[in-house]
Protein backbone atom coordinates (compact mmCIF):
# COMPACT_ATOMS: atom_id res chain seq x y z
CA MET A 1 0.00 0.00 0.00
CA ASP A 2 2.92 2.39 0.50
CA ARG A 3 4.72 1.59 -2.74
CA ARG A 4 5.19 4.26 -5.39
CA SER A 5 2.19 2.96 -7.36
CA SER A 6 -0.22 3.78 -4.50
CA PHE A 7 0.33 7.56 -4.81
CA PRO A 8 -1.62 9.33 -7.58
CA HIS A 9 0.24 12.68 -7.54
CA PHE A 10 4.00 13.28 -7.65
CA LEU A 11 6.35 16.23 -7.50
CA ALA A 12 10.11 15.92 -8.08
CA ILE A 13 12.07 17.92 -5.50
CA THR A 14 15.81 18.37 -5.81
CA THR A 15 17.72 18.21 -2.54
CA ARG A 16 20.04 21.11 -1.79
CA TRP A 17 23.53 21.18 -0.29
CA LYS A 18 22.15 22.87 2.84
CA ASP A 19 19.67 20.01 3.39
CA ASN A 20 22.45 17.64 4.53
CA ASP A 21 23.41 17.68 8.18
CA VAL A 22 26.69 16.84 9.88
CA TYR A 23 25.87 13.12 9.62
CA GLY A 24 25.87 13.29 5.81
CA HIS A 25 22.15 12.85 5.14
CA VAL A 26 19.14 15.09 4.77
CA ASN A 27 18.20 16.46 8.18
CA ASN A 28 14.83 15.28 9.51
CA VAL A 29 13.29 18.76 9.48
CA GLU A 30 13.70 18.92 5.69
CA TYR A 31 11.37 15.93 5.24
CA TYR A 32 8.55 18.08 6.67
CA SER A 33 9.47 20.79 4.19
CA PHE A 34 9.13 18.25 1.36
CA PHE A 35 5.67 17.33 2.71
CA ASP A 36 4.61 20.98 2.80
CA THR A 37 5.98 21.55 -0.71
CA VAL A 38 4.15 18.69 -2.44
CA ILE A 39 0.89 19.47 -0.64
CA ASN A 40 0.89 23.19 -1.38
CA GLU A 41 2.04 22.71 -4.98
CA PHE A 42 -0.99 20.45 -5.47
CA LEU A 43 -3.42 22.83 -3.73
CA ILE A 44 -2.24 25.81 -5.79
CA ARG A 45 -1.91 24.15 -9.21
CA SER A 46 -4.74 21.62 -9.10
CA GLY A 47 -7.10 23.02 -6.46
CA GLY A 48 -6.91 26.72 -7.31
CA LEU A 49 -5.94 27.76 -3.77
CA ASP A 50 -4.96 31.44 -3.74
CA ILE A 51 -2.38 31.57 -0.95
CA HIS A 52 -1.94 35.35 -1.20
CA ARG A 53 -5.47 36.75 -1.46
CA GLY A 54 -7.97 33.92 -1.14
CA PRO A 55 -10.55 34.03 1.66
CA VAL A 56 -9.69 30.45 2.74
CA ILE A 57 -6.29 29.14 3.82
CA GLY A 58 -5.08 25.76 5.06
CA LEU A 59 -3.40 25.45 8.46
CA CYS A 60 -1.42 22.39 9.48
CA VAL A 61 -2.77 21.00 12.73
CA ASP A 62 -0.94 17.68 12.83
CA SER A 63 1.97 16.00 11.07
CA GLN A 64 4.22 12.99 11.48
CA CYS A 65 7.00 11.19 9.66
CA THR A 66 8.30 7.65 9.66
CA PHE A 67 11.88 7.46 8.41
CA LYS A 68 12.84 4.30 6.52
CA GLN A 69 16.00 5.20 4.57
CA ALA A 70 18.32 8.17 4.49
CA LEU A 71 18.15 10.72 1.70
CA ALA A 72 21.18 12.85 0.84
CA PHE A 73 22.43 15.60 -1.42
CA PRO A 74 22.52 15.23 -4.36
CA ASP A 75 19.27 13.26 -4.64
CA THR A 76 16.01 13.93 -6.38
CA VAL A 77 13.08 13.17 -4.13
CA ASP A 78 9.84 12.08 -5.77
CA ALA A 79 7.20 13.23 -3.31
CA GLY A 80 4.01 11.19 -3.69
CA LEU A 81 0.69 12.51 -2.39
CA ARG A 82 -2.72 10.98 -1.71
CA VAL A 83 -5.72 11.91 0.42
CA ALA A 84 -6.53 9.47 3.22
CA LYS A 85 -9.57 11.33 4.61
CA LEU A 86 -11.56 14.21 3.18
CA GLY A 87 -13.77 16.05 5.65
CA ASN A 88 -15.89 19.18 5.41
CA SER A 89 -13.14 21.59 6.44
CA SER A 90 -10.19 19.24 6.89
CA VAL A 91 -8.11 16.82 4.90
CA THR A 92 -5.63 14.16 5.96
CA TYR A 93 -2.84 13.57 3.46
CA GLU A 94 -0.41 10.67 3.20
CA ILE A 95 2.95 11.39 1.64
CA GLY A 96 5.63 9.04 0.37
CA LEU A 97 9.15 10.32 -0.26
CA PHE A 98 10.98 8.19 -2.80
CA ARG A 99 14.46 8.38 -4.26
CA SER A 100 14.11 9.01 -7.97
CA GLY A 101 12.88 5.76 -9.54
CA ALA A 102 12.69 3.78 -6.28
CA ALA A 103 9.60 1.65 -5.62
CA GLU A 104 9.92 1.70 -1.82
CA PRO A 105 9.71 4.94 0.18
CA ALA A 106 12.56 6.53 2.09
CA ALA A 107 9.93 8.11 4.36
CA LEU A 108 6.19 8.10 4.92
CA GLY A 109 4.28 11.06 6.27
CA ARG A 110 0.88 12.11 7.47
CA PHE A 111 -0.24 15.74 7.40
CA VAL A 112 -3.60 17.28 8.40
CA HIS A 113 -4.86 20.60 7.08
CA VAL A 114 -7.85 22.47 8.46
CA PHE A 115 -9.20 25.11 6.09
CA VAL A 116 -10.05 28.35 7.84
CA ASP A 117 -11.29 31.83 7.05
CA ARG A 118 -8.17 33.95 6.42
CA GLU A 119 -9.31 36.76 8.74
CA GLN A 120 -11.16 34.97 11.54
CA ARG A 121 -9.01 31.79 11.56
CA ARG A 122 -12.12 29.69 12.15
CA PRO A 123 -12.84 26.45 10.23
CA VAL A 124 -14.91 26.83 7.06
CA PRO A 125 -16.03 24.38 4.39
CA MET A 126 -13.34 24.03 1.74
CA PRO A 127 -14.09 25.59 -1.65
CA ALA A 128 -15.74 23.28 -4.22
CA ASP A 129 -12.80 23.36 -6.69
CA LEU A 130 -10.38 22.43 -3.93
CA ARG A 131 -12.61 19.62 -2.68
CA ALA A 132 -12.96 18.24 -6.22
CA ALA A 133 -9.17 18.27 -6.75
CA LEU A 134 -8.55 16.56 -3.41
CA GLY A 135 -11.25 13.99 -4.19
CA GLY A 136 -9.30 13.11 -7.32
CA ILE A 137 -6.30 11.87 -5.33
CA THR A 138 -8.14 9.95 -2.63
CA GLY A 139 -6.28 6.70 -2.01
């Protein structure tokens, strides 16, 4: 279930020199950055989320990562994304980080967004276009 083929959306992310830590692999905090990048790229490009002026924004309320293999610079990370649960104002994503071409993940993540009114910061139903895009990658 966590193989490359179980993720319907992918984004290739190139690691950077600064991502490596003193131990010679990508530091754990960067994995969360990869999660945030693949999710927000999808929301903007496929879901029409206007991060600068839109009335609704997504806030991360929970995240976790299970590390399976080290990534390092220079690697290309194929970040796979699927929706595990689609609620009225929230979505739970599952993310797989794969070395370029690898079938097994280097890391697996879970990330929960709650969509809120930009000004009031209170939960609101997600816009229809966004919900439709997210429904298209439900795993």
